[in-house]
Protein backbone atom coordinates (compact mmCIF):
# COMPACT_ATOMS: atom_id res chain seq x y z
CA MET A 1 -90.02 -82.55 77.91
CA ARG A 2 -91.16 -86.02 77.91
CA THR A 3 -88.88 -88.30 75.84
CA ASP A 4 -91.85 -90.43 74.50
CA LEU A 5 -93.10 -87.28 72.76
CA PHE A 6 -90.33 -87.98 70.15
CA ASP A 7 -91.13 -91.54 69.55
CA PHE A 8 -92.58 -92.98 66.35
CA PRO A 9 -92.90 -96.32 64.69
CA LEU A 10 -90.69 -97.13 61.63
CA PRO A 11 -90.94 -100.18 59.42
CA PRO A 12 -87.34 -101.80 59.40
CA GLU A 13 -87.44 -102.25 55.67
CA GLN A 14 -87.09 -98.36 55.31
CA ILE A 15 -83.75 -98.28 56.87
CA ALA A 16 -81.41 -97.75 54.14
CA LEU A 17 -78.40 -100.23 53.89
CA ARG A 18 -76.83 -98.58 50.86
CA PRO A 19 -76.85 -94.87 49.71
CA ALA A 20 -78.58 -93.69 46.55
CA ARG A 21 -76.55 -93.70 43.27
CA PRO A 22 -75.65 -91.14 42.27
CA ARG A 23 -75.66 -89.48 45.66
CA ASP A 24 -77.75 -86.52 44.69
CA ALA A 25 -80.43 -88.81 43.38
CA ALA A 26 -81.64 -89.28 46.97
CA ARG A 27 -85.19 -88.06 47.58
CA LEU A 28 -85.60 -84.67 49.45
CA LEU A 29 -88.64 -83.68 51.51
CA VAL A 30 -89.04 -79.93 51.68
CA VAL A 31 -90.67 -79.03 55.03
CA ARG A 32 -92.18 -75.41 55.32
CA PRO A 33 -94.02 -75.09 58.65
CA GLY A 34 -97.58 -74.25 57.99
CA GLU A 35 -97.47 -75.12 54.25
CA SER A 36 -97.82 -78.38 52.30
CA LEU A 37 -94.93 -80.87 52.22
CA GLU A 38 -93.02 -81.02 48.81
CA ASP A 39 -91.48 -84.21 47.40
CA ARG A 40 -88.33 -83.49 45.47
CA THR A 41 -84.72 -84.85 45.02
CA VAL A 42 -81.48 -83.61 46.50
CA ARG A 43 -80.62 -82.56 42.74
CA ALA A 44 -83.25 -79.85 42.96
CA LEU A 45 -81.50 -78.14 45.96
CA PRO A 46 -80.12 -75.09 43.92
CA GLU A 47 -83.67 -74.08 42.80
CA LEU A 48 -84.89 -74.51 46.32
CA LEU A 49 -82.41 -72.05 47.71
CA GLN A 50 -81.84 -68.33 46.90
CA PRO A 51 -78.86 -66.58 45.46
CA GLY A 52 -76.74 -65.13 48.40
CA ASP A 53 -77.71 -68.21 50.61
CA GLN A 54 -74.68 -69.73 52.54
CA LEU A 55 -74.24 -73.45 52.72
CA VAL A 56 -72.11 -74.64 55.78
CA VAL A 57 -70.69 -78.18 55.50
CA ASN A 58 -68.74 -80.23 57.80
CA ASP A 59 -65.24 -81.07 56.56
CA THR A 60 -64.47 -83.85 59.09
CA ARG A 61 -63.19 -87.17 57.83
CA VAL A 62 -64.24 -90.49 59.09
CA ILE A 63 -61.58 -92.82 60.16
CA PRO A 64 -61.74 -96.63 59.76
CA ALA A 65 -62.54 -96.97 63.60
CA SER A 66 -63.81 -100.48 63.68
CA LEU A 67 -60.99 -102.96 64.51
CA HIS A 68 -61.29 -106.68 64.87
CA GLY A 69 -58.68 -108.75 66.68
CA ARG A 70 -58.06 -111.22 69.57
CA ARG A 71 -56.79 -111.04 73.28
CA ILE A 72 -53.45 -112.67 73.56
CA GLY A 73 -51.00 -113.52 76.18
CA ARG A 74 -53.29 -115.51 78.58
CA GLY A 75 -55.15 -118.83 77.88
CA GLU A 76 -57.59 -118.91 74.99
CA GLU A 77 -57.54 -115.98 72.56
CA PRO A 78 -61.22 -114.77 72.26
CA ARG A 79 -62.18 -112.51 69.36
CA ILE A 80 -62.46 -108.92 70.34
CA GLU A 81 -64.22 -106.04 68.30
CA ALA A 82 -63.11 -102.60 69.34
CA ASN A 83 -64.78 -99.36 68.04
CA LEU A 84 -62.56 -96.39 68.62
CA VAL A 85 -64.38 -93.43 70.08
CA LYS A 86 -61.93 -90.64 71.04
CA ARG A 87 -58.21 -90.07 70.52
CA LEU A 88 -56.56 -89.18 73.78
CA ASP A 89 -53.11 -88.58 72.59
CA GLY A 90 -50.61 -89.79 69.99
CA SER A 91 -50.87 -93.55 70.84
CA ARG A 92 -54.00 -93.90 73.14
CA TRP A 93 -57.65 -94.10 72.23
CA LEU A 94 -60.90 -94.31 74.07
CA ALA A 95 -62.90 -97.25 72.78
CA PHE A 96 -65.92 -99.64 73.30
CA ALA A 97 -64.98 -103.34 73.10
CA LYS A 98 -67.20 -106.29 72.74
CA PRO A 99 -67.15 -108.52 74.58
CA GLY A 100 -65.87 -106.23 77.13
CA LYS A 101 -66.11 -108.78 80.04
CA ARG A 102 -63.25 -110.90 78.29
CA LEU A 103 -60.76 -107.97 78.87
CA ALA A 104 -59.00 -106.95 82.01
CA VAL A 105 -56.52 -104.08 82.70
CA GLY A 106 -53.19 -105.17 81.31
CA ASP A 107 -54.49 -107.40 78.55
CA THR A 108 -53.12 -107.07 75.11
CA ILE A 109 -55.20 -107.17 72.05
CA ARG A 110 -53.65 -107.87 68.63
CA PHE A 111 -55.70 -106.38 65.80
CA GLY A 112 -55.91 -108.48 62.83
CA ASP A 113 -54.15 -108.82 59.56
CA GLU A 114 -56.10 -111.99 58.52
CA GLY A 115 -57.23 -111.60 54.98
CA ARG A 116 -55.76 -108.10 54.46
CA VAL A 117 -52.30 -107.12 53.24
CA CYS A 118 -50.63 -104.90 55.85
CA PHE A 119 -47.48 -102.96 55.23
CA LEU A 120 -46.80 -102.42 58.94
CA GLY A 121 -46.08 -104.87 61.63
CA GLN A 122 -48.52 -106.29 64.14
CA LEU A 123 -50.83 -103.87 65.70
CA ASP A 124 -51.06 -104.44 69.37
CA ALA A 125 -52.69 -102.53 72.00
CA THR A 126 -52.74 -102.74 75.90
CA VAL A 127 -56.03 -102.30 77.80
CA GLU A 128 -54.75 -99.46 80.12
CA ALA A 129 -58.15 -98.82 81.90
CA LYS A 130 -61.78 -99.72 81.94
CA GLY A 131 -64.67 -97.35 82.67
CA GLU A 132 -67.93 -97.82 84.34
CA GLY A 133 -69.89 -97.13 81.09
CA GLY A 134 -68.08 -100.03 79.20
CA GLU A 135 -65.43 -97.92 77.57
CA ILE A 136 -61.76 -98.94 77.64
CA THR A 137 -58.50 -97.07 77.14
CA LEU A 138 -56.25 -98.64 74.55
CA ALA A 139 -52.64 -97.77 74.49
CA PHE A 140 -51.15 -98.80 71.06
CA ALA A 141 -47.67 -99.91 70.37
CA PHE A 142 -47.52 -97.33 67.53
CA HIS A 143 -47.61 -93.58 67.80
CA GLY A 144 -48.78 -90.60 65.61
CA PRO A 145 -49.02 -90.89 61.82
CA VAL A 146 -47.64 -94.57 61.94
CA LEU A 147 -50.60 -95.53 64.28
CA ASP A 148 -53.01 -93.66 61.86
CA GLN A 149 -51.73 -95.67 59.01
CA ALA A 150 -51.84 -98.92 60.86
CA ILE A 151 -55.44 -98.27 61.83
CA ALA A 152 -56.28 -97.33 58.22
CA GLU A 153 -54.84 -100.59 56.98
CA ARG A 154 -56.74 -102.73 59.29
CA GLY A 155 -59.85 -100.91 60.30
CA ASP A 156 -63.35 -100.94 58.77
CA MET A 157 -65.69 -98.05 58.46
CA PRO A 158 -67.67 -97.61 61.65
CA LEU A 159 -71.13 -98.17 60.35
CA PRO A 160 -74.10 -97.24 62.61
CA PRO A 161 -75.53 -99.97 64.69
CA TYR A 162 -78.72 -100.13 62.63
CA ILE A 163 -76.73 -100.91 59.50
CA ALA A 164 -73.95 -102.99 61.08
CA SER A 165 -76.42 -105.38 62.82
CA ARG A 166 -77.73 -106.26 59.38
CA ARG A 167 -74.52 -106.51 57.21
CA ASP A 168 -70.80 -106.24 57.45
CA ALA A 169 -68.84 -103.22 56.34
CA ASP A 170 -67.08 -103.61 53.12
CA ASP A 171 -64.80 -101.79 50.68
CA GLU A 172 -67.69 -99.85 49.30
CA ASP A 173 -68.28 -98.26 52.61
CA ARG A 174 -64.78 -96.64 52.50
CA ALA A 175 -66.07 -94.41 49.79
CA ASP A 176 -69.81 -94.41 50.54
CA TYR A 177 -69.42 -93.46 54.32
CA GLN A 178 -67.24 -90.36 53.49
CA THR A 179 -68.52 -87.11 52.28
CA LEU A 180 -67.31 -85.14 49.23
CA PHE A 181 -65.99 -82.52 51.71
CA ALA A 182 -64.05 -84.89 53.98
CA GLN A 183 -60.57 -83.36 54.87
CA ARG A 184 -59.74 -83.47 58.51
CA GLU A 185 -59.51 -86.90 60.13
CA GLY A 186 -61.20 -87.34 63.52
CA SER A 187 -64.83 -88.72 63.28
CA VAL A 188 -66.01 -92.11 64.09
CA ALA A 189 -69.39 -91.41 62.44
CA ALA A 190 -70.17 -89.62 59.17
CA PRO A 191 -71.82 -86.21 59.00
CA THR A 192 -74.50 -87.87 56.85
CA ALA A 193 -76.27 -84.94 55.33
CA GLY A 194 -73.09 -84.10 53.48
CA LEU A 195 -73.26 -87.68 51.77
CA HIS A 196 -75.74 -86.35 49.29
CA PHE A 197 -73.35 -83.96 47.50
CA THR A 198 -71.62 -84.53 44.22
CA ASP A 199 -69.15 -82.27 42.28
CA ALA A 200 -71.94 -81.54 39.75
CA LEU A 201 -74.39 -80.52 42.55
CA VAL A 202 -71.67 -78.23 44.15
CA ALA A 203 -71.07 -76.60 40.74
CA ARG A 204 -74.68 -75.96 40.15
CA LEU A 205 -75.22 -74.32 43.65
CA LYS A 206 -72.11 -72.13 43.11
CA ALA A 207 -73.52 -71.02 39.56
CA ARG A 208 -76.74 -69.97 41.19
CA GLY A 209 -74.82 -67.70 43.58
CA ILE A 210 -74.87 -69.97 46.55
CA ALA A 211 -71.69 -69.90 48.57
CA LEU A 212 -70.23 -72.93 50.34
CA HIS A 213 -68.23 -72.67 53.73
CA THR A 214 -66.61 -75.48 55.83
CA VAL A 215 -66.53 -75.93 59.62
CA THR A 216 -65.12 -79.03 61.26
CA LEU A 217 -66.96 -81.09 64.02
CA HIS A 218 -65.55 -84.49 64.84
CA VAL A 219 -68.57 -86.70 65.30
CA GLY A 220 -68.36 -89.06 68.19
CA ALA A 221 -70.16 -92.28 68.84
CA GLY A 222 -72.57 -90.52 71.28
CA THR A 223 -74.47 -89.50 68.05
CA PHE A 224 -76.00 -92.95 68.06
CA LEU A 225 -76.68 -93.36 71.71
CA PRO A 226 -80.38 -93.49 72.63
CA VAL A 227 -81.90 -91.03 75.08
CA LYS A 228 -82.65 -93.52 78.06
CA VAL A 229 -84.02 -90.98 80.52
CA ASP A 230 -87.85 -90.16 80.77
CA ASP A 231 -87.33 -86.50 80.56
CA THR A 232 -85.10 -84.58 78.13
CA ALA A 233 -83.73 -82.48 80.94
CA ASP A 234 -82.02 -85.49 82.36
CA HIS A 235 -80.01 -86.41 79.38
CA LYS A 236 -76.33 -85.63 79.13
CA MET A 237 -74.77 -84.96 75.77
CA HIS A 238 -71.39 -86.16 74.83
CA ALA A 239 -68.97 -83.44 73.90
CA GLU A 240 -67.47 -83.18 70.47
CA TYR A 241 -64.59 -81.14 69.28
CA GLY A 242 -65.30 -78.46 66.62
CA ILE A 243 -63.68 -75.63 64.84
CA VAL A 244 -65.32 -72.49 63.08
CA SER A 245 -62.38 -70.47 61.66
CA ALA A 246 -62.24 -66.58 61.72
CA ASP A 247 -62.46 -66.50 57.95
CA THR A 248 -65.67 -68.65 57.93
CA ALA A 249 -67.19 -66.57 60.78
CA ASN A 250 -66.46 -63.25 59.03
CA ALA A 251 -67.85 -64.45 55.62
CA LEU A 252 -70.97 -65.86 57.21
CA ASN A 253 -71.45 -62.54 59.14
CA ALA A 254 -71.03 -60.51 56.05
CA ALA A 255 -73.34 -62.61 54.06
CA ARG A 256 -76.17 -62.31 56.65
CA ARG A 257 -75.69 -58.63 56.82
CA ALA A 258 -76.30 -58.66 53.02
CA GLY A 259 -79.50 -60.56 53.34
CA GLY A 260 -78.17 -64.10 52.82
CA ARG A 261 -79.44 -67.14 54.76
CA ILE A 262 -77.35 -69.66 56.64
CA VAL A 263 -78.21 -73.12 55.61
CA ALA A 264 -76.57 -75.74 57.84
CA VAL A 265 -75.85 -79.08 56.04
CA GLY A 266 -76.51 -81.56 58.87
CA SER A 267 -76.99 -81.52 62.57
CA THR A 268 -73.21 -81.28 63.27
CA SER A 269 -72.85 -78.14 61.22
CA LEU A 270 -75.86 -76.62 62.92
CA ARG A 271 -74.82 -77.51 66.44
CA LEU A 272 -71.44 -76.03 65.74
CA ILE A 273 -72.82 -72.76 64.25
CA GLU A 274 -75.23 -72.26 67.36
CA SER A 275 -72.18 -73.03 69.60
CA ALA A 276 -70.17 -70.15 67.98
CA ALA A 277 -73.05 -67.73 67.78
CA ALA A 278 -73.57 -64.85 70.13
CA GLU A 279 -76.97 -64.00 71.40
CA ASP A 280 -77.63 -61.58 68.55
CA GLY A 281 -76.56 -64.17 65.89
CA THR A 282 -73.10 -62.90 65.31
CA LEU A 283 -70.64 -65.75 64.76
CA ARG A 284 -67.32 -65.79 66.47
CA PRO A 285 -64.23 -68.05 65.77
CA PHE A 286 -64.67 -71.19 67.83
CA ALA A 287 -62.19 -73.98 68.64
CA ALA A 288 -63.51 -76.06 71.57
CA GLU A 289 -65.63 -78.99 72.61
CA THR A 290 -69.40 -78.52 72.40
CA ALA A 291 -72.23 -80.57 74.29
CA ILE A 292 -75.01 -78.34 73.13
CA PHE A 293 -78.28 -80.19 73.36
CA ILE A 294 -81.06 -78.60 71.22
CA THR A 295 -84.76 -79.46 72.12
CA PRO A 296 -88.02 -77.49 71.53
CA GLY A 297 -87.95 -74.08 73.03
CA TYR A 298 -84.47 -73.51 72.03
CA HIS A 299 -83.84 -70.08 70.41
CA PHE A 300 -82.00 -70.38 67.17
CA ARG A 301 -79.29 -67.72 66.82
CA ALA A 302 -77.81 -68.05 63.39
CA THR A 303 -79.24 -70.93 61.36
CA ASP A 304 -82.11 -70.21 58.99
CA LEU A 305 -82.47 -73.41 56.95
CA MET A 306 -81.22 -77.02 57.62
CA LEU A 307 -80.52 -79.99 55.31
CA THR A 308 -80.61 -83.20 57.20
CA ASN A 309 -81.51 -86.99 56.84
CA PHE A 310 -84.23 -88.80 58.74
CA HIS A 311 -83.32 -89.74 62.33
CA LEU A 312 -84.04 -92.24 64.95
CA PRO A 313 -86.97 -92.05 67.19
CA ARG A 314 -86.31 -90.72 70.64
CA SER A 315 -82.86 -89.42 69.43
CA THR A 316 -81.30 -86.29 70.19
CA LEU A 317 -81.23 -85.60 66.33
CA PHE A 318 -85.02 -85.86 66.11
CA MET A 319 -85.38 -83.55 69.11
CA LEU A 320 -83.17 -81.07 67.25
CA VAL A 321 -85.21 -80.99 64.11
CA ALA A 322 -88.46 -80.82 66.17
CA ALA A 323 -86.92 -77.66 67.85
CA PHE A 324 -86.21 -76.33 64.39
CA SER A 325 -89.36 -76.68 62.65
CA GLY A 326 -91.73 -77.72 65.42
CA LEU A 327 -92.55 -81.09 66.93
CA GLY A 328 -96.01 -81.23 65.22
CA THR A 329 -94.58 -80.31 61.94
CA MET A 330 -91.85 -82.92 62.12
CA ARG A 331 -94.15 -85.72 63.43
CA GLY A 332 -96.25 -84.99 60.22
CA ALA A 333 -93.24 -84.77 57.86
CA TYR A 334 -92.00 -88.23 59.23
CA ALA A 335 -95.47 -89.84 58.98
CA HIS A 336 -95.54 -88.60 55.27
CA ALA A 337 -91.96 -89.85 54.68
CA ILE A 338 -92.82 -93.34 55.98
CA GLU A 339 -96.07 -93.60 54.06
CA HIS A 340 -94.26 -92.47 50.79
CA GLY A 341 -91.38 -94.88 51.05
CA TYR A 342 -88.58 -92.50 52.00
CA ARG A 343 -85.37 -94.29 53.20
CA PHE A 344 -84.15 -93.51 56.66
CA TYR A 345 -80.92 -92.87 58.50
CA SER A 346 -77.37 -92.58 57.47
CA TYR A 347 -77.61 -93.91 53.94
CA GLY A 348 -81.20 -92.68 53.58
CA ASP A 349 -83.01 -89.70 52.00
CA ALA A 350 -82.92 -86.06 53.28
CA CYS A 351 -85.25 -83.28 54.17
CA LEU A 352 -84.94 -79.45 53.75
CA LEU A 353 -86.20 -77.81 56.79
CA HIS A 354 -87.44 -74.22 57.17
CA ARG A 355 -87.48 -72.78 60.62
CA GLY A 356 -90.71 -72.75 62.45
């Protein structure tokens, strides 16, 4: 399909720079294809679902993957910003660095302790390789849990570009950009639909007979990359690692047989569920990378409803929701959201989508 079919204008003032407080006070647009749109709040989710429905949330945890430092060891010491993208092993990470042109293979970057109390020594990394796409391989002086602690001490939360270009990350983001379910470290972006949940909301969902299950998909930086090709068939998705346990697969299969619906909380949960589903919708245990790219025409195997935020124009995420509820339906829903002042993107409001 033509990429421009997924374009739409968005006033920049509707890009949320901070989340709603409390989290479940965010607005919720209920989208049922062929029916009128309904303006609610996330707090109303229990009454919008049915007893027996099964919520699937992503329990990945965002690491503070945005590092700032300086190149040392040769001449001047320019400032370097590195955003970690993917762990390669116990001491090596794939990253994007700015300005990458100031770095050469063999250079050392010292990631800073300016203005922050660090309990470990200096965090140095050597540029081991440079890729054609602007990525670099960093080999750190620390290894394993010690490296994780050093990154946690020095790093900032890796806010999406549309927020980071307008303000710096701060200590509030360390809590705000982490979901209630975050357990397994490995993401460099939050599964943002999960940001709307509070303990009180989860308790009300369970009291209504709505079960909650966890899967793990470590979100990569590719989630923010624009689709630059003219036709969606030419776009290549970045792979991300995900896990659906046998217990979760069995529980969801049993619930579906009993008439329950699977409600994916976010595009990451949905993509992982669909990756783990057989043609007949039966879920199997899954532990692998997935690069599934869902566009209109895709046959959904296991997902019945979807809770998600409002996404970027021309993005793979907007293509996914268009596949789920219909392109015309979603263009109408987004026009309504813009007209009625909904807040967009990672810290923004949400929509509850029924399948088209």
